[in-house]
Amino acid sequence: MLSKQCVQAAAATVKFFGPATTWIARWMPVFFVPSLVMLPLTLQGLSGGQLMTVLVIVVAGLITSCVATAQTTVVIRSAIKTDMEPFVPTPSIPPFHNLHITFWAAILAIGFALINFAPTLIFNSLAATASIFFLAATMLGFIIGTRAPAGVKKIVHPITACAIAGEGAVLVVSALCGQSFLETLRLYTSSSGISAGATLLFFLATVIVSLAFQMYSRLKLMMVR
């Protein structure tokens, strides 16, 4: 009886937090984008040979990891004679509405105006003021990337479009403020005060918590029989 009550309580909890976990799942890729936006700054100073070495390590490591994981799964399933469960597709997340574009476009316009007329209005900091423009551009890039035709998304992934939009916003601010691109790029994830990158990375903690709810939807696969 207690076990049944626990299952019912867990199901009710998952249902209650459903809108929140759906929101997190919809925007989850954006929270990892600051690392991609900052990539030019990370690779600054590396020679062509060093860049090639990094690329080889990343590609070889990815292939090796995928092959090792797949083979390990095959060996374990063969050893314990696990039955295949029928595939249950994950419910699709509702697409972005035109209202999302309108909202973030308005925020982008406000951020652009602040950069032009009051670049240090927020906390007397250019990074904090520019964070509005950076954040809006990043969000719009992701939304437009997800709404692009399938053929376009095969070439430019929504996450890539999101990162390009973020770097494009940095390029605009650097031109308006008379700074170099790399110097302005540091404002995107400024470690002191408010910044667009820090705001997005802040949500990574909620992403980790939301994974527990996603795992619950696969409870049957994880049960030991």
N, C-alpha and C. Protein backbone atom coordinates (compact mmCIF):
# COMPACT_ATOMS: atom_id res chain seq x y z
N MET A 1 0.83 -1.20 0.00
CA MET A 1 0.00 0.00 0.00
C MET A 1 0.87 1.25 0.00
N LEU A 2 1.92 1.22 0.80
CA LEU A 2 2.82 2.37 0.87
C LEU A 2 3.49 2.62 -0.46
N SER A 3 3.88 1.51 -1.14
CA SER A 3 4.54 1.65 -2.44
C SER A 3 3.59 2.29 -3.44
N LYS A 4 2.33 1.90 -3.43
CA LYS A 4 1.36 2.46 -4.34
C LYS A 4 1.13 3.95 -4.05
N GLN A 5 1.10 4.30 -2.78
CA GLN A 5 0.93 5.70 -2.41
C GLN A 5 2.12 6.54 -2.86
N CYS A 6 3.31 5.96 -2.74
CA CYS A 6 4.52 6.67 -3.17
C CYS A 6 4.49 6.92 -4.67
N VAL A 7 4.06 5.90 -5.42
CA VAL A 7 3.99 6.04 -6.88
C VAL A 7 2.97 7.12 -7.25
N GLN A 8 1.84 7.13 -6.58
CA GLN A 8 0.81 8.13 -6.86
C GLN A 8 1.30 9.54 -6.52
N ALA A 9 2.01 9.65 -5.37
CA ALA A 9 2.54 10.95 -4.98
C ALA A 9 3.58 11.44 -5.97
N ALA A 10 4.43 10.51 -6.45
CA ALA A 10 5.45 10.87 -7.44
C ALA A 10 4.82 11.32 -8.74
N ALA A 11 3.78 10.60 -9.18
CA ALA A 11 3.10 10.97 -10.42
C ALA A 11 2.43 12.33 -10.29
N ALA A 12 1.85 12.60 -9.13
CA ALA A 12 1.22 13.90 -8.91
C ALA A 12 2.25 15.02 -8.90
N THR A 13 3.41 14.75 -8.33
CA THR A 13 4.48 15.76 -8.30
C THR A 13 4.98 16.07 -9.70
N VAL A 14 5.18 15.02 -10.49
CA VAL A 14 5.64 15.21 -11.87
C VAL A 14 4.61 16.00 -12.68
N LYS A 15 3.33 15.70 -12.48
CA LYS A 15 2.27 16.41 -13.19
C LYS A 15 2.23 17.88 -12.77
N PHE A 16 2.43 18.14 -11.48
CA PHE A 16 2.38 19.51 -10.97
C PHE A 16 3.49 20.37 -11.58
N PHE A 17 4.70 19.78 -11.66
CA PHE A 17 5.84 20.53 -12.20
C PHE A 17 5.95 20.39 -13.72
N GLY A 18 4.95 19.77 -14.35
CA GLY A 18 5.00 19.56 -15.80
C GLY A 18 5.23 20.82 -16.61
N PRO A 19 4.47 21.90 -16.37
CA PRO A 19 4.70 23.13 -17.14
C PRO A 19 6.11 23.68 -16.99
N ALA A 20 6.67 23.58 -15.79
CA ALA A 20 8.03 24.09 -15.55
C ALA A 20 9.06 23.25 -16.29
N THR A 21 8.92 21.92 -16.22
CA THR A 21 9.89 21.05 -16.90
C THR A 21 9.78 21.17 -18.42
N THR A 22 8.55 21.42 -18.91
CA THR A 22 8.38 21.64 -20.35
C THR A 22 9.07 22.92 -20.78
N TRP A 23 8.95 23.97 -19.96
CA TRP A 23 9.62 25.24 -20.26
C TRP A 23 11.13 25.06 -20.28
N ILE A 24 11.66 24.33 -19.31
CA ILE A 24 13.10 24.10 -19.25
C ILE A 24 13.56 23.30 -20.46
N ALA A 25 12.80 22.24 -20.81
CA ALA A 25 13.18 21.42 -21.95
C ALA A 25 13.17 22.22 -23.25
N ARG A 26 12.22 23.16 -23.36
CA ARG A 26 12.13 23.97 -24.58
C ARG A 26 13.34 24.87 -24.74
N TRP A 27 13.80 25.48 -23.63
CA TRP A 27 14.90 26.44 -23.70
C TRP A 27 16.25 25.84 -23.33
N MET A 28 16.28 24.56 -22.99
CA MET A 28 17.51 23.94 -22.48
C MET A 28 18.75 24.18 -23.34
N PRO A 29 18.68 24.02 -24.68
CA PRO A 29 19.89 24.23 -25.48
C PRO A 29 20.51 25.61 -25.31
N VAL A 30 19.67 26.62 -25.08
CA VAL A 30 20.18 27.99 -24.96
C VAL A 30 21.11 28.13 -23.75
N PHE A 31 20.85 27.38 -22.69
CA PHE A 31 21.62 27.52 -21.48
C PHE A 31 23.06 27.03 -21.65
N PHE A 32 23.33 26.27 -22.71
CA PHE A 32 24.69 25.78 -22.98
C PHE A 32 25.42 26.62 -24.04
N VAL A 33 24.71 27.58 -24.62
CA VAL A 33 25.26 28.36 -25.74
C VAL A 33 26.41 29.28 -25.35
N PRO A 34 26.46 29.87 -24.13
CA PRO A 34 27.58 30.77 -23.81
C PRO A 34 28.95 30.18 -24.10
N SER A 35 29.11 28.88 -23.92
CA SER A 35 30.41 28.26 -24.21
C SER A 35 30.74 28.36 -25.70
N LEU A 36 29.73 28.21 -26.55
CA LEU A 36 29.96 28.32 -28.00
C LEU A 36 30.20 29.76 -28.41
N VAL A 37 29.47 30.69 -27.81
CA VAL A 37 29.66 32.10 -28.13
C VAL A 37 31.07 32.54 -27.78
N MET A 38 31.59 32.04 -26.67
CA MET A 38 32.91 32.44 -26.20
C MET A 38 34.04 31.66 -26.86
N LEU A 39 33.71 30.77 -27.79
CA LEU A 39 34.72 29.92 -28.41
C LEU A 39 35.86 30.71 -29.07
N PRO A 40 35.57 31.80 -29.82
CA PRO A 40 36.69 32.57 -30.40
C PRO A 40 37.68 33.07 -29.35
N LEU A 41 37.17 33.43 -28.18
CA LEU A 41 38.05 33.92 -27.12
C LEU A 41 38.86 32.78 -26.53
N THR A 42 38.24 31.60 -26.43
CA THR A 42 38.93 30.43 -25.89
C THR A 42 40.05 29.98 -26.81
N LEU A 43 39.83 30.08 -28.12
CA LEU A 43 40.82 29.61 -29.09
C LEU A 43 41.84 30.68 -29.44
N GLN A 44 41.71 31.85 -28.85
CA GLN A 44 42.63 32.94 -29.14
C GLN A 44 44.06 32.55 -28.77
N GLY A 45 44.99 32.79 -29.64
CA GLY A 45 46.39 32.52 -29.35
C GLY A 45 46.87 31.15 -29.77
N LEU A 46 45.95 30.27 -30.17
CA LEU A 46 46.37 28.93 -30.61
C LEU A 46 46.81 28.98 -32.07
N SER A 47 47.87 28.27 -32.35
CA SER A 47 48.37 28.21 -33.72
C SER A 47 47.51 27.25 -34.55
N GLY A 48 47.75 27.24 -35.87
CA GLY A 48 46.99 26.35 -36.73
C GLY A 48 47.20 24.89 -36.36
N GLY A 49 48.44 24.54 -36.03
CA GLY A 49 48.73 23.16 -35.63
C GLY A 49 48.03 22.78 -34.33
N GLN A 50 47.99 23.70 -33.39
CA GLN A 50 47.32 23.43 -32.12
C GLN A 50 45.82 23.28 -32.32
N LEU A 51 45.24 24.13 -33.19
CA LEU A 51 43.82 24.01 -33.47
C LEU A 51 43.49 22.66 -34.11
N MET A 52 44.36 22.21 -35.01
CA MET A 52 44.15 20.92 -35.65
C MET A 52 44.23 19.78 -34.64
N THR A 53 45.16 19.92 -33.70
CA THR A 53 45.29 18.90 -32.66
C THR A 53 44.04 18.82 -31.79
N VAL A 54 43.51 19.98 -31.43
CA VAL A 54 42.28 20.03 -30.63
C VAL A 54 41.13 19.39 -31.40
N LEU A 55 41.02 19.70 -32.70
CA LEU A 55 39.95 19.16 -33.53
C LEU A 55 40.03 17.64 -33.62
N VAL A 56 41.24 17.13 -33.82
CA VAL A 56 41.43 15.67 -33.92
C VAL A 56 41.06 14.99 -32.60
N ILE A 57 41.48 15.58 -31.49
CA ILE A 57 41.16 15.00 -30.18
C ILE A 57 39.66 14.97 -29.94
N VAL A 58 38.98 16.07 -30.28
CA VAL A 58 37.54 16.15 -30.06
C VAL A 58 36.80 15.12 -30.92
N VAL A 59 37.14 15.07 -32.23
CA VAL A 59 36.46 14.16 -33.14
C VAL A 59 36.75 12.71 -32.78
N ALA A 60 38.05 12.40 -32.55
CA ALA A 60 38.42 11.02 -32.19
C ALA A 60 37.80 10.62 -30.85
N GLY A 61 37.77 11.55 -29.90
CA GLY A 61 37.18 11.25 -28.60
C GLY A 61 35.69 10.99 -28.71
N LEU A 62 35.00 11.76 -29.56
CA LEU A 62 33.56 11.58 -29.74
C LEU A 62 33.26 10.21 -30.35
N ILE A 63 34.01 9.86 -31.40
CA ILE A 63 33.78 8.58 -32.07
C ILE A 63 34.08 7.43 -31.11
N THR A 64 35.20 7.52 -30.41
CA THR A 64 35.58 6.46 -29.48
C THR A 64 34.56 6.29 -28.37
N SER A 65 34.06 7.42 -27.85
CA SER A 65 33.07 7.37 -26.78
C SER A 65 31.78 6.71 -27.24
N CYS A 66 31.31 7.06 -28.44
CA CYS A 66 30.07 6.48 -28.97
C CYS A 66 30.22 4.98 -29.20
N VAL A 67 31.34 4.57 -29.80
CA VAL A 67 31.57 3.15 -30.08
C VAL A 67 31.69 2.36 -28.78
N ALA A 68 32.44 2.88 -27.82
CA ALA A 68 32.63 2.18 -26.55
C ALA A 68 31.31 2.04 -25.79
N THR A 69 30.52 3.10 -25.79
CA THR A 69 29.22 3.06 -25.10
C THR A 69 28.28 2.05 -25.74
N ALA A 70 28.21 2.07 -27.07
CA ALA A 70 27.33 1.14 -27.78
C ALA A 70 27.76 -0.31 -27.55
N GLN A 71 29.06 -0.57 -27.62
CA GLN A 71 29.55 -1.94 -27.45
C GLN A 71 29.35 -2.42 -26.02
N THR A 72 29.54 -1.54 -25.06
CA THR A 72 29.32 -1.90 -23.66
C THR A 72 27.86 -2.26 -23.42
N THR A 73 26.96 -1.50 -24.04
CA THR A 73 25.53 -1.78 -23.91
C THR A 73 25.19 -3.15 -24.49
N VAL A 74 25.75 -3.48 -25.64
CA VAL A 74 25.50 -4.78 -26.28
C VAL A 74 26.00 -5.92 -25.39
N VAL A 75 27.19 -5.76 -24.82
CA VAL A 75 27.76 -6.81 -23.97
C VAL A 75 26.91 -7.03 -22.72
N ILE A 76 26.50 -5.94 -22.08
CA ILE A 76 25.70 -6.05 -20.84
C ILE A 76 24.35 -6.69 -21.14
N ARG A 77 23.71 -6.29 -22.22
CA ARG A 77 22.40 -6.86 -22.54
C ARG A 77 22.50 -8.34 -22.89
N SER A 78 23.60 -8.71 -23.53
CA SER A 78 23.79 -10.12 -23.86
C SER A 78 24.04 -10.94 -22.61
N ALA A 79 24.71 -10.34 -21.63
CA ALA A 79 25.06 -11.08 -20.40
C ALA A 79 23.86 -11.29 -19.50
N ILE A 80 22.98 -10.28 -19.39
CA ILE A 80 21.86 -10.39 -18.46
C ILE A 80 20.55 -10.70 -19.17
N LYS A 81 20.61 -10.92 -20.48
CA LYS A 81 19.43 -11.33 -21.26
C LYS A 81 18.26 -10.34 -21.08
N THR A 82 18.54 -9.06 -21.27
CA THR A 82 17.52 -8.04 -21.12
C THR A 82 16.59 -8.03 -22.33
N ASP A 83 15.29 -7.99 -22.07
CA ASP A 83 14.31 -7.90 -23.15
C ASP A 83 14.18 -6.46 -23.62
N MET A 84 14.00 -6.31 -24.90
CA MET A 84 13.81 -4.98 -25.47
C MET A 84 12.41 -4.47 -25.13
N GLU A 85 12.36 -3.26 -24.64
CA GLU A 85 11.08 -2.62 -24.38
C GLU A 85 10.63 -1.91 -25.66
N PRO A 86 9.33 -1.87 -25.91
CA PRO A 86 8.85 -1.16 -27.11
C PRO A 86 9.22 0.32 -27.02
N PHE A 87 9.56 0.88 -28.17
CA PHE A 87 9.96 2.27 -28.21
C PHE A 87 8.77 3.18 -27.98
N VAL A 88 8.92 4.09 -27.01
CA VAL A 88 7.87 5.05 -26.71
C VAL A 88 8.41 6.43 -27.06
N PRO A 89 7.93 7.04 -28.12
CA PRO A 89 8.47 8.35 -28.51
C PRO A 89 8.18 9.41 -27.46
N THR A 90 9.14 10.32 -27.31
CA THR A 90 8.97 11.42 -26.37
C THR A 90 7.98 12.43 -26.94
N PRO A 91 7.02 12.87 -26.14
CA PRO A 91 6.06 13.87 -26.65
C PRO A 91 6.79 15.12 -27.14
N SER A 92 6.39 15.59 -28.30
CA SER A 92 7.04 16.76 -28.88
C SER A 92 6.71 18.02 -28.09
N ILE A 93 7.69 18.91 -28.00
CA ILE A 93 7.50 20.17 -27.29
C ILE A 93 6.78 21.15 -28.23
N PRO A 94 5.78 21.86 -27.73
CA PRO A 94 5.07 22.82 -28.59
C PRO A 94 6.02 23.81 -29.22
N PRO A 95 5.83 24.12 -30.50
CA PRO A 95 6.74 25.07 -31.18
C PRO A 95 6.58 26.48 -30.63
N PHE A 96 7.58 27.29 -30.91
CA PHE A 96 7.53 28.69 -30.48
C PHE A 96 6.45 29.44 -31.25
N HIS A 97 5.78 30.32 -30.54
CA HIS A 97 4.70 31.11 -31.12
C HIS A 97 5.27 32.44 -31.64
N ASN A 98 4.52 33.08 -32.51
CA ASN A 98 4.94 34.39 -33.01
C ASN A 98 5.09 35.40 -31.87
N LEU A 99 4.35 35.17 -30.80
CA LEU A 99 4.43 36.06 -29.65
C LEU A 99 5.82 36.02 -29.04
N HIS A 100 6.48 34.86 -29.08
CA HIS A 100 7.85 34.76 -28.57
C HIS A 100 8.78 35.67 -29.37
N ILE A 101 8.61 35.64 -30.69
CA ILE A 101 9.46 36.48 -31.54
C ILE A 101 9.19 37.96 -31.27
N THR A 102 7.91 38.31 -31.15
CA THR A 102 7.55 39.70 -30.88
C THR A 102 8.13 40.18 -29.56
N PHE A 103 8.03 39.34 -28.54
CA PHE A 103 8.53 39.71 -27.21
C PHE A 103 10.03 39.95 -27.23
N TRP A 104 10.78 38.99 -27.77
CA TRP A 104 12.23 39.12 -27.75
C TRP A 104 12.72 40.18 -28.74
N ALA A 105 11.97 40.41 -29.81
CA ALA A 105 12.32 41.50 -30.72
C ALA A 105 12.17 42.85 -30.03
N ALA A 106 11.14 42.98 -29.20
CA ALA A 106 10.95 44.23 -28.44
C ALA A 106 12.09 44.42 -27.44
N ILE A 107 12.48 43.33 -26.76
CA ILE A 107 13.60 43.41 -25.81
C ILE A 107 14.89 43.77 -26.54
N LEU A 108 15.06 43.21 -27.75
CA LEU A 108 16.25 43.52 -28.56
C LEU A 108 16.28 45.00 -28.91
N ALA A 109 15.13 45.55 -29.28
CA ALA A 109 15.07 46.98 -29.63
C ALA A 109 15.39 47.85 -28.41
N ILE A 110 14.88 47.45 -27.25
CA ILE A 110 15.18 48.21 -26.02
C ILE A 110 16.68 48.14 -25.71
N GLY A 111 17.25 46.96 -25.83
CA GLY A 111 18.68 46.81 -25.57
C GLY A 111 19.52 47.61 -26.54
N PHE A 112 19.11 47.63 -27.81
CA PHE A 112 19.84 48.41 -28.81
C PHE A 112 19.79 49.90 -28.48
N ALA A 113 18.62 50.37 -28.05
CA ALA A 113 18.48 51.78 -27.69
C ALA A 113 19.35 52.13 -26.49
N LEU A 114 19.41 51.24 -25.53
CA LEU A 114 20.24 51.50 -24.34
C LEU A 114 21.72 51.57 -24.71
N ILE A 115 22.16 50.69 -25.58
CA ILE A 115 23.56 50.70 -26.00
C ILE A 115 23.90 52.01 -26.70
N ASN A 116 22.95 52.53 -27.46
CA ASN A 116 23.19 53.77 -28.21
C ASN A 116 23.17 55.01 -27.33
N PHE A 117 22.21 55.07 -26.40
CA PHE A 117 21.98 56.32 -25.67
C PHE A 117 22.40 56.29 -24.19
N ALA A 118 22.47 55.10 -23.61
CA ALA A 118 22.87 55.02 -22.20
C ALA A 118 23.60 53.71 -21.95
N PRO A 119 24.81 53.55 -22.50
CA PRO A 119 25.51 52.26 -22.45
C PRO A 119 25.93 51.80 -21.05
N THR A 120 25.91 52.69 -20.09
CA THR A 120 26.28 52.28 -18.73
C THR A 120 25.13 52.58 -17.75
N LEU A 121 23.91 52.55 -18.24
CA LEU A 121 22.76 52.90 -17.41
C LEU A 121 22.56 51.91 -16.26
N ILE A 122 22.72 50.63 -16.53
CA ILE A 122 22.46 49.60 -15.52
C ILE A 122 23.72 49.34 -14.72
N PHE A 123 23.66 49.66 -13.43
CA PHE A 123 24.76 49.44 -12.50
C PHE A 123 26.08 50.08 -12.97
N ASN A 124 25.93 51.13 -13.79
CA ASN A 124 27.10 51.84 -14.29
C ASN A 124 28.08 50.87 -14.98
N SER A 125 27.52 49.90 -15.69
CA SER A 125 28.33 48.84 -16.30
C SER A 125 27.88 48.60 -17.73
N LEU A 126 28.84 48.58 -18.65
CA LEU A 126 28.53 48.29 -20.04
C LEU A 126 28.10 46.83 -20.20
N ALA A 127 28.74 45.93 -19.45
CA ALA A 127 28.39 44.51 -19.54
C ALA A 127 26.95 44.28 -19.10
N ALA A 128 26.53 44.92 -18.02
CA ALA A 128 25.17 44.74 -17.52
C ALA A 128 24.15 45.33 -18.49
N THR A 129 24.44 46.49 -19.04
CA THR A 129 23.52 47.13 -19.98
C THR A 129 23.45 46.34 -21.29
N ALA A 130 24.60 45.92 -21.77
CA ALA A 130 24.63 45.17 -23.03
C ALA A 130 24.02 43.78 -22.89
N SER A 131 23.91 43.28 -21.66
CA SER A 131 23.36 41.94 -21.45
C SER A 131 21.94 41.82 -21.98
N ILE A 132 21.18 42.92 -21.96
CA ILE A 132 19.81 42.90 -22.48
C ILE A 132 19.83 42.63 -23.99
N PHE A 133 20.69 43.33 -24.69
CA PHE A 133 20.80 43.16 -26.14
C PHE A 133 21.37 41.78 -26.48
N PHE A 134 22.39 41.36 -25.76
CA PHE A 134 23.00 40.04 -26.00
C PHE A 134 22.00 38.92 -25.76
N LEU A 135 21.28 39.00 -24.65
CA LEU A 135 20.34 37.95 -24.29
C LEU A 135 19.19 37.84 -25.30
N ALA A 136 18.66 39.00 -25.69
CA ALA A 136 17.56 39.00 -26.66
C ALA A 136 18.00 38.44 -28.01
N ALA A 137 19.20 38.81 -28.45
CA ALA A 137 19.70 38.31 -29.73
C ALA A 137 19.91 36.80 -29.68
N THR A 138 20.42 36.32 -28.55
CA THR A 138 20.65 34.88 -28.41
C THR A 138 19.34 34.11 -28.45
N MET A 139 18.34 34.60 -27.72
CA MET A 139 17.03 33.95 -27.70
C MET A 139 16.39 33.96 -29.08
N LEU A 140 16.45 35.10 -29.75
CA LEU A 140 15.86 35.20 -31.09
C LEU A 140 16.55 34.26 -32.07
N GLY A 141 17.87 34.16 -31.94
CA GLY A 141 18.61 33.25 -32.82
C GLY A 141 18.15 31.81 -32.65
N PHE A 142 17.90 31.43 -31.41
CA PHE A 142 17.44 30.05 -31.16
C PHE A 142 16.03 29.84 -31.69
N ILE A 143 15.14 30.79 -31.45
CA ILE A 143 13.76 30.66 -31.91
C ILE A 143 13.69 30.57 -33.43
N ILE A 144 14.41 31.48 -34.09
CA ILE A 144 14.41 31.48 -35.56
C ILE A 144 15.06 30.20 -36.09
N GLY A 145 16.11 29.74 -35.40
CA GLY A 145 16.76 28.51 -35.82
C GLY A 145 15.85 27.30 -35.72
N THR A 146 15.03 27.23 -34.68
CA THR A 146 14.10 26.10 -34.53
C THR A 146 12.95 26.17 -35.52
N ARG A 147 12.62 27.38 -35.98
CA ARG A 147 11.50 27.55 -36.92
C ARG A 147 11.96 27.53 -38.37
N ALA A 148 13.24 27.36 -38.59
CA ALA A 148 13.75 27.33 -39.96
C ALA A 148 13.30 26.05 -40.66
N PRO A 149 13.25 26.05 -41.99
CA PRO A 149 12.89 24.83 -42.74
C PRO A 149 13.84 23.68 -42.42
N ALA A 150 13.36 22.46 -42.59
CA ALA A 150 14.15 21.27 -42.26
C ALA A 150 15.46 21.25 -43.03
N GLY A 151 15.43 21.68 -44.29
CA GLY A 151 16.65 21.68 -45.09
C GLY A 151 17.70 22.62 -44.54
N VAL A 152 17.26 23.76 -44.01
CA VAL A 152 18.19 24.72 -43.41
C VAL A 152 18.77 24.17 -42.13
N LYS A 153 17.91 23.52 -41.32
CA LYS A 153 18.38 22.99 -40.04
C LYS A 153 19.37 21.85 -40.19
N LYS A 154 19.36 21.19 -41.37
CA LYS A 154 20.36 20.16 -41.61
C LYS A 154 21.76 20.77 -41.78
N ILE A 155 21.79 22.04 -42.23
CA ILE A 155 23.06 22.73 -42.43
C ILE A 155 23.43 23.57 -41.22
N VAL A 156 22.45 24.33 -40.71
CA VAL A 156 22.68 25.20 -39.55
C VAL A 156 21.75 24.74 -38.42
N HIS A 157 22.32 24.07 -37.45
CA HIS A 157 21.53 23.59 -36.31
C HIS A 157 21.03 24.79 -35.51
N PRO A 158 19.85 24.68 -34.88
CA PRO A 158 19.34 25.79 -34.06
C PRO A 158 20.31 26.29 -33.01
N ILE A 159 21.09 25.39 -32.42
CA ILE A 159 22.08 25.82 -31.43
C ILE A 159 23.17 26.65 -32.10
N THR A 160 23.57 26.23 -33.31
CA THR A 160 24.57 27.00 -34.06
C THR A 160 24.02 28.37 -34.42
N ALA A 161 22.76 28.41 -34.85
CA ALA A 161 22.13 29.69 -35.16
C ALA A 161 22.06 30.58 -33.93
N CYS A 162 21.81 29.98 -32.80
CA CYS A 162 21.76 30.71 -31.54
C CYS A 162 23.12 31.33 -31.20
N ALA A 163 24.18 30.53 -31.36
CA ALA A 163 25.53 31.03 -31.08
C ALA A 163 25.93 32.12 -32.06
N ILE A 164 25.58 31.95 -33.34
CA ILE A 164 25.90 32.96 -34.35
C ILE A 164 25.19 34.27 -34.04
N ALA A 165 23.93 34.18 -33.59
CA ALA A 165 23.18 35.38 -33.23
C ALA A 165 23.83 36.09 -32.05
N GLY A 166 24.29 35.32 -31.08
CA GLY A 166 24.98 35.92 -29.93
C GLY A 166 26.24 36.64 -30.33
N GLU A 167 27.04 36.01 -31.20
CA GLU A 167 28.27 36.64 -31.65
C GLU A 167 27.97 37.83 -32.56
N GLY A 168 26.87 37.75 -33.32
CA GLY A 168 26.47 38.88 -34.13
C GLY A 168 26.11 40.09 -33.27
N ALA A 169 25.45 39.84 -32.14
CA ALA A 169 25.12 40.93 -31.22
C ALA A 169 26.39 41.54 -30.64
N VAL A 170 27.38 40.70 -30.35
CA VAL A 170 28.65 41.20 -29.84
C VAL A 170 29.33 42.07 -30.88
N LEU A 171 29.25 41.66 -32.14
CA LEU A 171 29.85 42.44 -33.23
C LEU A 171 29.19 43.80 -33.35
N VAL A 172 27.87 43.86 -33.19
CA VAL A 172 27.14 45.13 -33.27
C VAL A 172 27.56 46.06 -32.14
N VAL A 173 27.63 45.52 -30.92
CA VAL A 173 28.02 46.33 -29.76
C VAL A 173 29.46 46.81 -29.88
N SER A 174 30.33 45.96 -30.41
CA SER A 174 31.73 46.37 -30.57
C SER A 174 31.84 47.53 -31.56
N ALA A 175 31.01 47.53 -32.61
CA ALA A 175 31.02 48.62 -33.57
C ALA A 175 30.45 49.90 -32.96
N LEU A 176 29.40 49.77 -32.17
CA LEU A 176 28.77 50.95 -31.56
C LEU A 176 29.65 51.58 -30.49
N CYS A 177 30.38 50.75 -29.77
CA CYS A 177 31.19 51.25 -28.65
C CYS A 177 32.64 51.50 -29.02
N GLY A 178 33.02 51.17 -30.26
CA GLY A 178 34.39 51.40 -30.69
C GLY A 178 35.40 50.49 -30.03
N GLN A 179 34.99 49.27 -29.69
CA GLN A 179 35.89 48.29 -29.09
C GLN A 179 36.15 47.16 -30.08
N SER A 180 37.20 46.40 -29.81
CA SER A 180 37.47 45.23 -30.65
C SER A 180 36.43 44.14 -30.37
N PHE A 181 36.30 43.21 -31.30
CA PHE A 181 35.32 42.13 -31.15
C PHE A 181 35.63 41.28 -29.92
N LEU A 182 36.90 40.91 -29.75
CA LEU A 182 37.28 40.05 -28.63
C LEU A 182 37.12 40.77 -27.29
N GLU A 183 37.41 42.06 -27.27
CA GLU A 183 37.24 42.84 -26.05
C GLU A 183 35.77 42.91 -25.65
N THR A 184 34.91 43.09 -26.64
CA THR A 184 33.47 43.14 -26.37
C THR A 184 32.93 41.76 -26.03
N LEU A 185 33.53 40.72 -26.61
CA LEU A 185 33.09 39.36 -26.35
C LEU A 185 33.24 39.00 -24.87
N ARG A 186 34.23 39.59 -24.22
CA ARG A 186 34.43 39.33 -22.79
C ARG A 186 33.24 39.85 -21.96
N LEU A 187 32.52 40.82 -22.48
CA LEU A 187 31.36 41.35 -21.77
C LEU A 187 30.21 40.36 -21.75
N TYR A 188 30.21 39.42 -22.70
CA TYR A 188 29.11 38.47 -22.81
C TYR A 188 29.00 37.59 -21.57
N THR A 189 30.15 37.21 -21.03
CA THR A 189 30.15 36.40 -19.80
C THR A 189 31.04 37.05 -18.76
N SER A 190 30.86 38.32 -18.56
CA SER A 190 31.65 39.04 -17.57
C SER A 190 31.50 38.39 -16.20
N SER A 191 32.62 38.14 -15.54
CA SER A 191 32.59 37.48 -14.24
C SER A 191 32.18 38.42 -13.11
N SER A 192 32.23 39.71 -13.37
CA SER A 192 31.86 40.69 -12.35
C SER A 192 30.54 41.35 -12.73
N GLY A 193 29.54 41.19 -11.89
CA GLY A 193 28.25 41.81 -12.16
C GLY A 193 27.37 40.97 -13.07
N ILE A 194 26.42 41.63 -13.71
CA ILE A 194 25.44 40.95 -14.56
C ILE A 194 25.95 40.85 -15.99
N SER A 195 25.69 39.71 -16.62
CA SER A 195 26.03 39.53 -18.03
C SER A 195 25.08 38.51 -18.63
N ALA A 196 24.97 38.51 -19.94
CA ALA A 196 24.06 37.59 -20.62
C ALA A 196 24.47 36.15 -20.40
N GLY A 197 25.76 35.88 -20.55
CA GLY A 197 26.25 34.51 -20.38
C GLY A 197 26.03 33.99 -18.97
N ALA A 198 26.30 34.83 -17.97
CA ALA A 198 26.11 34.41 -16.58
C ALA A 198 24.63 34.13 -16.30
N THR A 199 23.75 34.91 -16.91
CA THR A 199 22.31 34.70 -16.73
C THR A 199 21.87 33.36 -17.29
N LEU A 200 22.37 33.03 -18.48
CA LEU A 200 22.00 31.74 -19.09
C LEU A 200 22.60 30.57 -18.31
N LEU A 201 23.85 30.70 -17.90
CA LEU A 201 24.50 29.62 -17.16
C LEU A 201 23.86 29.40 -15.79
N PHE A 202 23.22 30.42 -15.25
CA PHE A 202 22.54 30.31 -13.97
C PHE A 202 21.45 29.24 -14.00
N PHE A 203 20.83 29.06 -15.18
CA PHE A 203 19.73 28.11 -15.29
C PHE A 203 20.20 26.66 -15.42
N LEU A 204 21.51 26.43 -15.51
CA LEU A 204 22.00 25.06 -15.62
C LEU A 204 21.64 24.23 -14.39
N ALA A 205 21.55 24.88 -13.22
CA ALA A 205 21.17 24.15 -12.00
C ALA A 205 19.75 23.61 -12.13
N THR A 206 18.84 24.41 -12.69
CA THR A 206 17.47 23.94 -12.88
C THR A 206 17.41 22.83 -13.92
N VAL A 207 18.31 22.88 -14.91
CA VAL A 207 18.36 21.82 -15.91
C VAL A 207 18.69 20.49 -15.26
N ILE A 208 19.66 20.49 -14.35
CA ILE A 208 20.06 19.27 -13.67
C ILE A 208 18.90 18.70 -12.85
N VAL A 209 18.18 19.58 -12.16
CA VAL A 209 17.03 19.13 -11.37
C VAL A 209 15.95 18.55 -12.28
N SER A 210 15.73 19.19 -13.43
CA SER A 210 14.67 18.74 -14.34
C SER A 210 14.97 17.36 -14.93
N LEU A 211 16.24 16.96 -14.95
CA LEU A 211 16.58 15.64 -15.48
C LEU A 211 15.94 14.53 -14.67
N ALA A 212 15.74 14.76 -13.36
CA ALA A 212 15.08 13.76 -12.52
C ALA A 212 13.66 13.51 -13.00
N PHE A 213 12.97 14.57 -13.43
CA PHE A 213 11.60 14.41 -13.92
C PHE A 213 11.59 13.68 -15.26
N GLN A 214 12.59 13.95 -16.09
CA GLN A 214 12.68 13.25 -17.36
C GLN A 214 12.99 11.77 -17.15
N MET A 215 13.82 11.46 -16.17
CA MET A 215 14.13 10.06 -15.87
C MET A 215 12.89 9.33 -15.35
N TYR A 216 12.02 10.04 -14.63
CA TYR A 216 10.81 9.40 -14.11
C TYR A 216 9.92 8.91 -15.24
N SER A 217 9.92 9.65 -16.35
CA SER A 217 9.10 9.22 -17.48
C SER A 217 9.62 7.92 -18.10
N ARG A 218 10.84 7.54 -17.77
CA ARG A 218 11.44 6.29 -18.23
C ARG A 218 11.58 5.30 -17.07
N LEU A 219 10.69 5.43 -16.08
CA LEU A 219 10.78 4.60 -14.88
C LEU A 219 10.72 3.12 -15.20
N LYS A 220 9.88 2.75 -16.15
CA LYS A 220 9.73 1.35 -16.49
C LYS A 220 11.02 0.74 -17.01
N LEU A 221 11.81 1.53 -17.74
CA LEU A 221 13.07 1.03 -18.28
C LEU A 221 14.12 0.83 -17.18
N MET A 222 14.00 1.60 -16.10
CA MET A 222 15.01 1.53 -15.04
C MET A 222 14.65 0.55 -13.93
N MET A 223 13.42 0.02 -13.94
CA MET A 223 13.00 -0.90 -12.89
C MET A 223 13.70 -2.24 -13.04
N VAL A 224 14.15 -2.79 -11.93
CA VAL A 224 14.81 -4.10 -11.93
C VAL A 224 13.74 -5.17 -11.80
N ARG A 225 13.68 -6.06 -12.74
CA ARG A 225 12.65 -7.10 -12.72
C ARG A 225 13.29 -8.45 -12.43
